[in-house]
PDB file of N, CA and C in Angstrom:
ATOM      1  N   MET A   1     -29.843  93.122 -91.872  1.00  0.00           N
ATOM      2  CA  MET A   1     -29.835  93.046 -90.426  1.00  0.00           C
ATOM      3  C   MET A   1     -29.340  94.363 -89.858  1.00  0.00           C
ATOM      4  N   ALA A   2     -29.976  94.831 -88.811  1.00  0.00           N
ATOM      5  CA  ALA A   2     -29.604  96.103 -88.192  1.00  0.00           C
ATOM      6  C   ALA A   2     -28.166  96.051 -87.682  1.00  0.00           C
ATOM      7  N   GLN A   3     -27.487  97.193 -87.761  1.00  0.00           N
ATOM      8  CA  GLN A   3     -26.085  97.312 -87.337  1.00  0.00           C
ATOM      9  C   GLN A   3     -26.040  98.006 -85.988  1.00  0.00           C
ATOM     10  N   LEU A   4     -25.451  97.359 -84.997  1.00  0.00           N
ATOM     11  CA  LEU A   4     -25.314  97.936 -83.666  1.00  0.00           C
ATOM     12  C   LEU A   4     -24.262  99.044 -83.697  1.00  0.00           C
ATOM     13  N   ILE A   5     -24.591 100.183 -83.124  1.00  0.00           N
ATOM     14  CA  ILE A   5     -23.644 101.295 -82.998  1.00  0.00           C
ATOM     15  C   ILE A   5     -23.106 101.279 -81.578  1.00  0.00           C
ATOM     16  N   GLN A   6     -21.801 101.209 -81.451  1.00  0.00           N
ATOM     17  CA  GLN A   6     -21.150 101.105 -80.155  1.00  0.00           C
ATOM     18  C   GLN A   6     -21.409 102.346 -79.311  1.00  0.00           C
ATOM     19  N   GLY A   7     -21.699 102.152 -78.048  1.00  0.00           N
ATOM     20  CA  GLY A   7     -21.839 103.265 -77.108  1.00  0.00           C
ATOM     21  C   GLY A   7     -20.686 103.262 -76.126  1.00  0.00           C
ATOM     22  N   PHE A   8     -20.327 104.417 -75.622  1.00  0.00           N
ATOM     23  CA  PHE A   8     -19.273 104.557 -74.624  1.00  0.00           C
ATOM     24  C   PHE A   8     -19.852 105.332 -73.437  1.00  0.00           C
ATOM     25  N   PRO A   9     -20.710 104.681 -72.637  1.00  0.00           N
ATOM     26  CA  PRO A   9     -21.479 105.393 -71.618  1.00  0.00           C
ATOM     27  C   PRO A   9     -20.655 105.991 -70.490  1.00  0.00           C
ATOM     28  N   GLU A  10     -19.423 105.533 -70.314  1.00  0.00           N
ATOM     29  CA  GLU A  10     -18.589 106.106 -69.255  1.00  0.00           C
ATOM     30  C   GLU A  10     -18.102 107.508 -69.626  1.00  0.00           C
ATOM     31  N   ILE A  11     -18.262 107.892 -70.902  1.00  0.00           N
ATOM     32  CA  ILE A  11     -17.865 109.220 -71.369  1.00  0.00           C
ATOM     33  C   ILE A  11     -19.141 110.020 -71.643  1.00  0.00           C
ATOM     34  N   PHE A  12     -19.348 111.107 -70.901  1.00  0.00           N
ATOM     35  CA  PHE A  12     -20.592 111.885 -70.968  1.00  0.00           C
ATOM     36  C   PHE A  12     -20.863 112.495 -72.340  1.00  0.00           C
ATOM     37  N   ASP A  13     -19.821 112.830 -73.077  1.00  0.00           N
ATOM     38  CA  ASP A  13     -19.965 113.463 -74.387  1.00  0.00           C
ATOM     39  C   ASP A  13     -18.902 112.832 -75.283  1.00  0.00           C
ATOM     40  N   HIS A  14     -19.337 111.972 -76.191  1.00  0.00           N
ATOM     41  CA  HIS A  14     -18.355 111.299 -77.040  1.00  0.00           C
ATOM     42  C   HIS A  14     -18.820 111.262 -78.485  1.00  0.00           C
ATOM     43  N   GLU A  15     -17.821 111.270 -79.350  1.00  0.00           N
ATOM     44  CA  GLU A  15     -18.070 111.266 -80.788  1.00  0.00           C
ATOM     45  C   GLU A  15     -17.294 110.115 -81.406  1.00  0.00           C
ATOM     46  N   GLN A  16     -17.859 109.554 -82.451  1.00  0.00           N
ATOM     47  CA  GLN A  16     -17.200 108.476 -83.169  1.00  0.00           C
ATOM     48  C   GLN A  16     -17.577 108.557 -84.638  1.00  0.00           C
ATOM     49  N   THR A  17     -16.801 107.898 -85.478  1.00  0.00           N
ATOM     50  CA  THR A  17     -17.186 107.773 -86.875  1.00  0.00           C
ATOM     51  C   THR A  17     -17.666 106.345 -87.089  1.00  0.00           C
ATOM     52  N   ALA A  18     -18.636 106.197 -87.970  1.00  0.00           N
ATOM     53  CA  ALA A  18     -19.179 104.879 -88.277  1.00  0.00           C
ATOM     54  C   ALA A  18     -19.570 104.840 -89.746  1.00  0.00           C
ATOM     55  N   THR A  19     -19.443 103.675 -90.330  1.00  0.00           N
ATOM     56  CA  THR A  19     -19.880 103.470 -91.701  1.00  0.00           C
ATOM     57  C   THR A  19     -21.281 102.872 -91.660  1.00  0.00           C
ATOM     58  N   LEU A  20     -22.234 103.611 -92.208  1.00  0.00           N
ATOM     59  CA  LEU A  20     -23.630 103.192 -92.243  1.00  0.00           C
ATOM     60  C   LEU A  20     -24.048 103.127 -93.698  1.00  0.00           C
ATOM     61  N   SER A  21     -24.424 101.946 -94.170  1.00  0.00           N
ATOM     62  CA  SER A  21     -24.789 101.741 -95.578  1.00  0.00           C
ATOM     63  C   SER A  21     -23.708 102.273 -96.506  1.00  0.00           C
ATOM     64  N   SER A  22     -22.468 101.938 -96.209  1.00  0.00           N
ATOM     65  CA  SER A  22     -21.292 102.267 -97.030  1.00  0.00           C
ATOM     66  C   SER A  22     -20.907 103.740 -97.029  1.00  0.00           C
ATOM     67  N   VAL A  23     -21.478 104.537 -96.148  1.00  0.00           N
ATOM     68  CA  VAL A  23     -21.141 105.961 -96.044  1.00  0.00           C
ATOM     69  C   VAL A  23     -20.648 106.225 -94.621  1.00  0.00           C
ATOM     70  N   ARG A  24     -19.559 107.009 -94.504  1.00  0.00           N
ATOM     71  CA  ARG A  24     -19.010 107.349 -93.181  1.00  0.00           C
ATOM     72  C   ARG A  24     -19.721 108.566 -92.609  1.00  0.00           C
ATOM     73  N   TYR A  25     -20.053 108.481 -91.318  1.00  0.00           N
ATOM     74  CA  TYR A  25     -20.728 109.560 -90.597  1.00  0.00           C
ATOM     75  C   TYR A  25     -20.024 109.789 -89.272  1.00  0.00           C
ATOM     76  N   ARG A  26     -20.255 110.972 -88.699  1.00  0.00           N
ATOM     77  CA  ARG A  26     -19.824 111.283 -87.336  1.00  0.00           C
ATOM     78  C   ARG A  26     -21.054 111.219 -86.450  1.00  0.00           C
ATOM     79  N   LEU A  27     -20.971 110.443 -85.391  1.00  0.00           N
ATOM     80  CA  LEU A  27     -22.062 110.307 -84.438  1.00  0.00           C
ATOM     81  C   LEU A  27     -21.594 110.837 -83.091  1.00  0.00           C
ATOM     82  N   GLU A  28     -22.432 111.606 -82.447  1.00  0.00           N
ATOM     83  CA  GLU A  28     -22.098 112.148 -81.137  1.00  0.00           C
ATOM     84  C   GLU A  28     -23.214 111.788 -80.173  1.00  0.00           C
ATOM     85  N   PHE A  29     -22.834 111.346 -78.984  1.00  0.00           N
ATOM     86  CA  PHE A  29     -23.773 111.039 -77.921  1.00  0.00           C
ATOM     87  C   PHE A  29     -23.436 111.928 -76.732  1.00  0.00           C
ATOM     88  N   ILE A  30     -24.455 112.563 -76.159  1.00  0.00           N
ATOM     89  CA  ILE A  30     -24.271 113.501 -75.049  1.00  0.00           C
ATOM     90  C   ILE A  30     -25.251 113.123 -73.941  1.00  0.00           C
ATOM     91  N   TRP A  31     -24.745 112.939 -72.727  1.00  0.00           N
ATOM     92  CA  TRP A  31     -25.595 112.656 -71.565  1.00  0.00           C
ATOM     93  C   TRP A  31     -25.962 113.969 -70.877  1.00  0.00           C
ATOM     94  N   ARG A  32     -27.239 114.149 -70.586  1.00  0.00           N
ATOM     95  CA  ARG A  32     -27.724 115.326 -69.863  1.00  0.00           C
ATOM     96  C   ARG A  32     -28.296 114.876 -68.519  1.00  0.00           C
ATOM     97  N   ASP A  33     -27.643 115.300 -67.435  1.00  0.00           N
ATOM     98  CA  ASP A  33     -28.118 114.946 -66.097  1.00  0.00           C
ATOM     99  C   ASP A  33     -29.520 115.483 -65.825  1.00  0.00           C
ATOM    100  N   ARG A  34     -29.798 116.683 -66.320  1.00  0.00           N
ATOM    101  CA  ARG A  34     -31.078 117.338 -66.035  1.00  0.00           C
ATOM    102  C   ARG A  34     -32.259 116.477 -66.469  1.00  0.00           C
ATOM    103  N   THR A  35     -32.148 115.828 -67.623  1.00  0.00           N
ATOM    104  CA  THR A  35     -33.233 114.984 -68.120  1.00  0.00           C
ATOM    105  C   THR A  35     -32.929 113.494 -67.953  1.00  0.00           C
ATOM    106  N   ALA A  36     -31.747 113.180 -67.433  1.00  0.00           N
ATOM    107  CA  ALA A  36     -31.300 111.796 -67.279  1.00  0.00           C
ATOM    108  C   ALA A  36     -31.466 111.034 -68.590  1.00  0.00           C
ATOM    109  N   SER A  37     -30.952 111.633 -69.681  1.00  0.00           N
ATOM    110  CA  SER A  37     -31.133 111.050 -71.005  1.00  0.00           C
ATOM    111  C   SER A  37     -29.891 111.264 -71.872  1.00  0.00           C
ATOM    112  N   TRP A  38     -29.734 110.356 -72.826  1.00  0.00           N
ATOM    113  CA  TRP A  38     -28.739 110.523 -73.879  1.00  0.00           C
ATOM    114  C   TRP A  38     -29.366 111.292 -75.027  1.00  0.00           C
ATOM    115  N   TYR A  39     -28.563 112.120 -75.690  1.00  0.00           N
ATOM    116  CA  TYR A  39     -28.979 112.839 -76.895  1.00  0.00           C
ATOM    117  C   TYR A  39     -27.996 112.486 -78.008  1.00  0.00           C
ATOM    118  N   PHE A  40     -28.463 112.647 -79.232  1.00  0.00           N
ATOM    119  CA  PHE A  40     -27.753 112.117 -80.386  1.00  0.00           C
ATOM    120  C   PHE A  40     -27.641 113.188 -81.462  1.00  0.00           C
ATOM    121  N   ASN A  41     -26.449 113.323 -82.034  1.00  0.00           N
ATOM    122  CA  ASN A  41     -26.221 114.167 -83.205  1.00  0.00           C
ATOM    123  C   ASN A  41     -25.611 113.302 -84.300  1.00  0.00           C
ATOM    124  N   LEU A  42     -25.986 113.578 -85.538  1.00  0.00           N
ATOM    125  CA  LEU A  42     -25.434 112.874 -86.691  1.00  0.00           C
ATOM    126  C   LEU A  42     -24.958 113.915 -87.684  1.00  0.00           C
ATOM    127  N   ARG A  43     -23.695 113.770 -88.116  1.00  0.00           N
ATOM    128  CA  ARG A  43     -23.091 114.708 -89.071  1.00  0.00           C
ATOM    129  C   ARG A  43     -22.365 113.918 -90.146  1.00  0.00           C
ATOM    130  N   THR A  44     -22.153 114.576 -91.286  1.00  0.00           N
ATOM    131  CA  THR A  44     -21.269 113.981 -92.283  1.00  0.00           C
ATOM    132  C   THR A  44     -19.849 114.047 -91.729  1.00  0.00           C
ATOM    133  N   VAL A  45     -18.927 113.315 -92.334  1.00  0.00           N
ATOM    134  CA  VAL A  45     -17.541 113.383 -91.867  1.00  0.00           C
ATOM    135  C   VAL A  45     -16.946 114.761 -92.110  1.00  0.00           C
ATOM    136  N   ASP A  46     -17.568 115.547 -93.009  1.00  0.00           N
ATOM    137  CA  ASP A  46     -17.127 116.920 -93.262  1.00  0.00           C
ATOM    138  C   ASP A  46     -17.743 117.914 -92.296  1.00  0.00           C
ATOM    139  N   GLY A  47     -18.572 117.444 -91.365  1.00  0.00           N
ATOM    140  CA  GLY A  47     -19.140 118.320 -90.347  1.00  0.00           C
ATOM    141  C   GLY A  47     -20.485 118.924 -90.690  1.00  0.00           C
ATOM    142  N   VAL A  48     -21.146 118.453 -91.737  1.00  0.00           N
ATOM    143  CA  VAL A  48     -22.482 118.971 -92.081  1.00  0.00           C
ATOM    144  C   VAL A  48     -23.503 118.323 -91.158  1.00  0.00           C
ATOM    145  N   ASP A  49     -24.278 119.159 -90.454  1.00  0.00           N
ATOM    146  CA  ASP A  49     -25.286 118.667 -89.524  1.00  0.00           C
ATOM    147  C   ASP A  49     -26.438 118.002 -90.266  1.00  0.00           C
ATOM    148  N   LEU A  50     -26.801 116.788 -89.840  1.00  0.00           N
ATOM    149  CA  LEU A  50     -27.924 116.070 -90.433  1.00  0.00           C
ATOM    150  C   LEU A  50     -29.067 115.904 -89.438  1.00  0.00           C
ATOM    151  N   VAL A  51     -28.760 115.442 -88.243  1.00  0.00           N
ATOM    152  CA  VAL A  51     -29.750 115.279 -87.178  1.00  0.00           C
ATOM    153  C   VAL A  51     -29.096 115.794 -85.906  1.00  0.00           C
ATOM    154  N   LEU A  52     -29.754 116.719 -85.216  1.00  0.00           N
ATOM    155  CA  LEU A  52     -29.179 117.314 -84.008  1.00  0.00           C
ATOM    156  C   LEU A  52     -30.151 117.249 -82.840  1.00  0.00           C
ATOM    157  N   GLY A  53     -29.608 116.941 -81.682  1.00  0.00           N
ATOM    158  CA  GLY A  53     -30.362 117.058 -80.445  1.00  0.00           C
ATOM    159  C   GLY A  53     -31.510 116.091 -80.272  1.00  0.00           C
ATOM    160  N   ARG A  54     -31.466 114.938 -80.923  1.00  0.00           N
ATOM    161  CA  ARG A  54     -32.535 113.952 -80.769  1.00  0.00           C
ATOM    162  C   ARG A  54     -32.335 113.177 -79.478  1.00  0.00           C
ATOM    163  N   ARG A  55     -33.371 113.115 -78.678  1.00  0.00           N
ATOM    164  CA  ARG A  55     -33.316 112.340 -77.433  1.00  0.00           C
ATOM    165  C   ARG A  55     -33.351 110.859 -77.790  1.00  0.00           C
ATOM    166  N   VAL A  56     -32.423 110.118 -77.209  1.00  0.00           N
ATOM    167  CA  VAL A  56     -32.383 108.679 -77.428  1.00  0.00           C
ATOM    168  C   VAL A  56     -33.342 108.034 -76.432  1.00  0.00           C
ATOM    169  N   SER A  57     -34.332 107.340 -76.953  1.00  0.00           N
ATOM    170  CA  SER A  57     -35.271 106.628 -76.100  1.00  0.00           C
ATOM    171  C   SER A  57     -35.644 105.318 -76.778  1.00  0.00           C
ATOM    172  N   PRO A  58     -35.993 104.311 -76.002  1.00  0.00           N
ATOM    173  CA  PRO A  58     -36.304 103.008 -76.589  1.00  0.00           C
ATOM    174  C   PRO A  58     -37.422 103.087 -77.622  1.00  0.00           C
ATOM    175  N   GLN A  59     -37.303 102.240 -78.635  1.00  0.00           N
ATOM    176  CA  GLN A  59     -38.267 102.108 -79.722  1.00  0.00           C
ATOM    177  C   GLN A  59     -38.391 103.380 -80.558  1.00  0.00           C
ATOM    178  N   TRP A  60     -37.324 104.166 -80.611  1.00  0.00           N
ATOM    179  CA  TRP A  60     -37.292 105.434 -81.336  1.00  0.00           C
ATOM    180  C   TRP A  60     -36.620 105.233 -82.680  1.00  0.00           C
ATOM    181  N   ILE A  61     -37.127 105.901 -83.700  1.00  0.00           N
ATOM    182  CA  ILE A  61     -36.463 105.937 -85.000  1.00  0.00           C
ATOM    183  C   ILE A  61     -36.299 107.400 -85.392  1.00  0.00           C
ATOM    184  N   SER A  62     -35.118 107.748 -85.886  1.00  0.00           N
ATOM    185  CA  SER A  62     -34.828 109.142 -86.238  1.00  0.00           C
ATOM    186  C   SER A  62     -35.726 109.620 -87.367  1.00  0.00           C
ATOM    187  N   THR A  63     -35.474 110.828 -87.814  1.00  0.00           N
ATOM    188  CA  THR A  63     -36.222 111.399 -88.924  1.00  0.00           C
ATOM    189  C   THR A  63     -36.040 110.593 -90.191  1.00  0.00           C
ATOM    190  N   GLY A  64     -35.087 109.716 -90.197  1.00  0.00           N
ATOM    191  CA  GLY A  64     -34.957 108.775 -91.305  1.00  0.00           C
ATOM    192  C   GLY A  64     -34.466 109.389 -92.578  1.00  0.00           C
ATOM    193  N   ASN A  65     -34.889 108.881 -93.659  1.00  0.00           N
ATOM    194  CA  ASN A  65     -34.294 109.152 -94.951  1.00  0.00           C
ATOM    195  C   ASN A  65     -34.460 110.565 -95.493  1.00  0.00           C
ATOM    196  N   LEU A  66     -34.764 111.540 -94.661  1.00  0.00           N
ATOM    197  CA  LEU A  66     -34.756 112.933 -95.102  1.00  0.00           C
ATOM    198  C   LEU A  66     -33.323 113.305 -95.451  1.00  0.00           C
ATOM    199  N   LEU A  67     -33.135 113.934 -96.575  1.00  0.00           N
ATOM    200  CA  LEU A  67     -31.797 114.342 -97.015  1.00  0.00           C
ATOM    201  C   LEU A  67     -30.822 113.175 -97.038  1.00  0.00           C
ATOM    202  N   ASN A  68     -31.341 111.969 -97.308  1.00  0.00           N
ATOM    203  CA  ASN A  68     -30.523 110.752 -97.327  1.00  0.00           C
ATOM    204  C   ASN A  68     -29.852 110.449 -95.996  1.00  0.00           C
ATOM    205  N   VAL A  69     -30.487 110.832 -94.905  1.00  0.00           N
ATOM    206  CA  VAL A  69     -29.983 110.521 -93.571  1.00  0.00           C
ATOM    207  C   VAL A  69     -30.337 109.069 -93.267  1.00  0.00           C
ATOM    208  N   PRO A  70     -29.387 108.273 -92.801  1.00  0.00           N
ATOM    209  CA  PRO A  70     -29.721 106.882 -92.488  1.00  0.00           C
ATOM    210  C   PRO A  70     -30.668 106.798 -91.296  1.00  0.00           C
ATOM    211  N   LEU A  71     -31.458 105.751 -91.272  1.00  0.00           N
ATOM    212  CA  LEU A  71     -32.349 105.523 -90.145  1.00  0.00           C
ATOM    213  C   LEU A  71     -31.541 105.050 -88.945  1.00  0.00           C
ATOM    214  N   ILE A  72     -31.773 105.674 -87.815  1.00  0.00           N
ATOM    215  CA  ILE A  72     -31.142 105.273 -86.571  1.00  0.00           C
ATOM    216  C   ILE A  72     -32.267 104.986 -85.594  1.00  0.00           C
ATOM    217  N   GLY A  73     -32.231 103.847 -84.971  1.00  0.00           N
ATOM    218  CA  GLY A  73     -33.280 103.475 -84.029  1.00  0.00           C
ATOM    219  C   GLY A  73     -32.682 102.898 -82.768  1.00  0.00           C
ATOM    220  N   THR A  74     -33.541 102.550 -81.832  1.00  0.00           N
ATOM    221  CA  THR A  74     -33.073 101.956 -80.582  1.00  0.00           C
ATOM    222  C   THR A  74     -33.956 100.778 -80.217  1.00  0.00           C
ATOM    223  N   SER A  75     -33.415  99.952 -79.384  1.00  0.00           N
ATOM    224  CA  SER A  75     -34.195  98.902 -78.758  1.00  0.00           C
ATOM    225  C   SER A  75     -33.809  98.895 -77.288  1.00  0.00           C
ATOM    226  N   GLY A  76     -34.659  98.356 -76.468  1.00  0.00           N
ATOM    227  CA  GLY A  76     -34.348  98.267 -75.049  1.00  0.00           C
ATOM    228  C   GLY A  76     -35.541  98.584 -74.182  1.00  0.00           C
ATOM    229  N   LEU A  77     -35.251  98.916 -72.961  1.00  0.00           N
ATOM    230  CA  LEU A  77     -36.273  99.161 -71.952  1.00  0.00           C
ATOM    231  C   LEU A  77     -36.585 100.644 -71.840  1.00  0.00           C
ATOM    232  N   ASP A  78     -37.792 100.947 -71.334  1.00  0.00           N
ATOM    233  CA  ASP A  78     -38.172 102.347 -71.151  1.00  0.00           C
ATOM    234  C   ASP A  78     -37.312 103.040 -70.105  1.00  0.00           C
ATOM    235  N   ALA A  79     -36.984 102.331 -69.045  1.00  0.00           N
ATOM    236  CA  ALA A  79     -36.166 102.925 -67.976  1.00  0.00           C
ATOM    237  C   ALA A  79     -34.706 102.513 -68.201  1.00  0.00           C
ATOM    238  N   PHE A  80     -33.822 103.502 -68.266  1.00  0.00           N
ATOM    239  CA  PHE A  80     -32.406 103.194 -68.434  1.00  0.00           C
ATOM    240  C   PHE A  80     -31.579 104.226 -67.684  1.00  0.00           C
ATOM    241  N   GLU A  81     -30.341 103.859 -67.409  1.00  0.00           N
ATOM    242  CA  GLU A  81     -29.376 104.720 -66.731  1.00  0.00           C
ATOM    243  C   GLU A  81     -28.280 105.090 -67.718  1.00  0.00           C
ATOM    244  N   ARG A  82     -27.436 106.027 -67.347  1.00  0.00           N
ATOM    245  CA  ARG A  82     -26.361 106.487 -68.226  1.00  0.00           C
ATOM    246  C   ARG A  82     -25.490 105.333 -68.703  1.00  0.00           C
ATOM    247  N   LEU A  83     -25.119 104.428 -67.827  1.00  0.00           N
ATOM    248  CA  LEU A  83     -24.196 103.354 -68.180  1.00  0.00           C
ATOM    249  C   LEU A  83     -24.848 102.242 -69.002  1.00  0.00           C
ATOM    250  N   ASP A  84     -26.139 102.351 -69.294  1.00  0.00           N
ATOM    251  CA  ASP A  84     -26.835 101.342 -70.093  1.00  0.00           C
ATOM    252  C   ASP A  84     -26.646 101.520 -71.596  1.00  0.00           C
ATOM    253  N   LEU A  85     -26.151 102.673 -72.039  1.00  0.00           N
ATOM    254  CA  LEU A  85     -25.959 102.907 -73.468  1.00  0.00           C
ATOM    255  C   LEU A  85     -25.020 101.852 -74.048  1.00  0.00           C
ATOM    256  N   GLY A  86     -25.471 101.156 -75.091  1.00  0.00           N
ATOM    257  CA  GLY A  86     -24.662 100.139 -75.729  1.00  0.00           C
ATOM    258  C   GLY A  86     -24.843  98.743 -75.166  1.00  0.00           C
ATOM    259  N   THR A  87     -25.637  98.628 -74.101  1.00  0.00           N
ATOM    260  CA  THR A  87     -25.934  97.308 -73.540  1.00  0.00           C
ATOM    261  C   THR A  87     -27.295  96.863 -74.050  1.00  0.00           C
ATOM    262  N   GLU A  88     -27.718  95.670 -73.651  1.00  0.00           N
ATOM    263  CA  GLU A  88     -29.033  95.186 -74.065  1.00  0.00           C
ATOM    264  C   GLU A  88     -30.167  96.052 -73.520  1.00  0.00           C
ATOM    265  N   VAL A  89     -29.896  96.876 -72.522  1.00  0.00           N
ATOM    266  CA  VAL A  89     -30.911  97.764 -71.960  1.00  0.00           C
ATOM    267  C   VAL A  89     -31.211  98.923 -72.911  1.00  0.00           C
ATOM    268  N   LEU A  90     -30.189  99.453 -73.593  1.00  0.00           N
ATOM    269  CA  LEU A  90     -30.382 100.555 -74.545  1.00  0.00           C
ATOM    270  C   LEU A  90     -29.370 100.421 -75.677  1.00  0.00           C
ATOM    271  N   GLN A  91     -29.805  99.901 -76.797  1.00  0.00           N
ATOM    272  CA  GLN A  91     -28.953  99.720 -77.958  1.00  0.00           C
ATOM    273  C   GLN A  91     -29.347 100.718 -79.044  1.00  0.00           C
ATOM    274  N   VAL A  92     -28.336 101.298 -79.690  1.00  0.00           N
ATOM    275  CA  VAL A  92     -28.571 102.199 -80.815  1.00  0.00           C
ATOM    276  C   VAL A  92     -28.207 101.421 -82.081  1.00  0.00           C
ATOM    277  N   LEU A  93     -29.100 101.467 -83.062  1.00  0.00           N
ATOM    278  CA  LEU A  93     -28.968 100.633 -84.250  1.00  0.00           C
ATOM    279  C   LEU A  93     -29.111 101.449 -85.517  1.00  0.00           C
ATOM    280  N   HIS A  94     -28.357 101.077 -86.542  1.00  0.00           N
ATOM    281  CA  HIS A  94     -28.580 101.599 -87.888  1.00  0.00           C
ATOM    282  C   HIS A  94     -29.516 100.617 -88.562  1.00  0.00           C
ATOM    283  N   ILE A  95     -30.613 101.118 -89.100  1.00  0.00           N
ATOM    284  CA  ILE A  95     -31.649 100.289 -89.698  1.00  0.00           C
ATOM    285  C   ILE A  95     -31.745 100.637 -91.179  1.00  0.00           C
ATOM    286  N   THR A  96     -31.687  99.631 -92.015  1.00  0.00           N
ATOM    287  CA  THR A  96     -31.786  99.878 -93.460  1.00  0.00           C
ATOM    288  C   THR A  96     -33.234  99.726 -93.923  1.00  0.00           C
ATOM    289  N   GLN A  97     -33.499 100.167 -95.119  1.00  0.00           N
ATOM    290  CA  GLN A  97     -34.832 100.001 -95.677  1.00  0.00           C
ATOM    291  C   GLN A  97     -35.164  98.516 -95.799  1.00  0.00           C
ATOM    292  N   ALA A  98     -34.168  97.679 -96.093  1.00  0.00           N
ATOM    293  CA  ALA A  98     -34.389  96.240 -96.176  1.00  0.00           C
ATOM    294  C   ALA A  98     -34.844  95.675 -94.828  1.00  0.00           C
ATOM    295  N   ASP A  99     -34.280  96.216 -93.715  1.00  0.00           N
ATOM    296  CA  ASP A  99     -34.714  95.796 -92.378  1.00  0.00           C
ATOM    297  C   ASP A  99     -36.181  96.126 -92.176  1.00  0.00           C
ATOM    298  N   LEU A 100     -36.575  97.341 -92.563  1.00  0.00           N
ATOM    299  CA  LEU A 100     -37.966  97.756 -92.407  1.00  0.00           C
ATOM    300  C   LEU A 100     -38.888  96.917 -93.280  1.00  0.00           C
ATOM    301  N   ASP A 101     -38.459  96.645 -94.510  1.00  0.00           N
ATOM    302  CA  ASP A 101     -39.249  95.827 -95.418  1.00  0.00           C
ATOM    303  C   ASP A 101     -39.461  94.430 -94.833  1.00  0.00           C
ATOM    304  N   ALA A 102     -38.414  93.872 -94.249  1.00  0.00           N
ATOM    305  CA  ALA A 102     -38.512  92.530 -93.672  1.00  0.00           C
ATOM    306  C   ALA A 102     -39.487  92.492 -92.504  1.00  0.00           C
ATOM    307  N   LEU A 103     -39.610  93.622 -91.804  1.00  0.00           N
ATOM    308  CA  LEU A 103     -40.549  93.711 -90.686  1.00  0.00           C
ATOM    309  C   LEU A 103     -41.943  94.137 -91.119  1.00  0.00           C
ATOM    310  N   GLY A 104     -42.077  94.460 -92.404  1.00  0.00           N
ATOM    311  CA  GLY A 104     -43.375  94.914 -92.904  1.00  0.00           C
ATOM    312  C   GLY A 104     -43.702  96.348 -92.536  1.00  0.00           C
ATOM    313  N   ILE A 105     -42.652  97.153 -92.322  1.00  0.00           N
ATOM    314  CA  ILE A 105     -42.818  98.568 -91.961  1.00  0.00           C
ATOM    315  C   ILE A 105     -42.494  99.402 -93.195  1.00  0.00           C
ATOM    316  N   ALA A 106     -43.406 100.257 -93.598  1.00  0.00           N
ATOM    317  CA  ALA A 106     -43.173 101.084 -94.792  1.00  0.00           C
ATOM    318  C   ALA A 106     -42.232 102.217 -94.487  1.00  0.00           C
TER     319      ALA A 106
END
């Protein structure tokens, strides 16, 4: 089952650590007024960049298992506001290969 990643939309630029598939990562979310969008960075806890500057948008899945990067996806509506991050309007999820297999997605 997909793991919900907590959002803190009241903070324009926030970082947190999360355990995804038994590995700890640093996740950063940044709100950009110019594009009215959240952006996402994923790093190891040691600060090694894995995914940088990805725009968070509904029905999006990251570059996925490149370099053993966990899959990060979203669900929600096409139109969202800054404060929607982490709500049912825009949820960020860690998706495992088992989740994809269960959905019939290769």
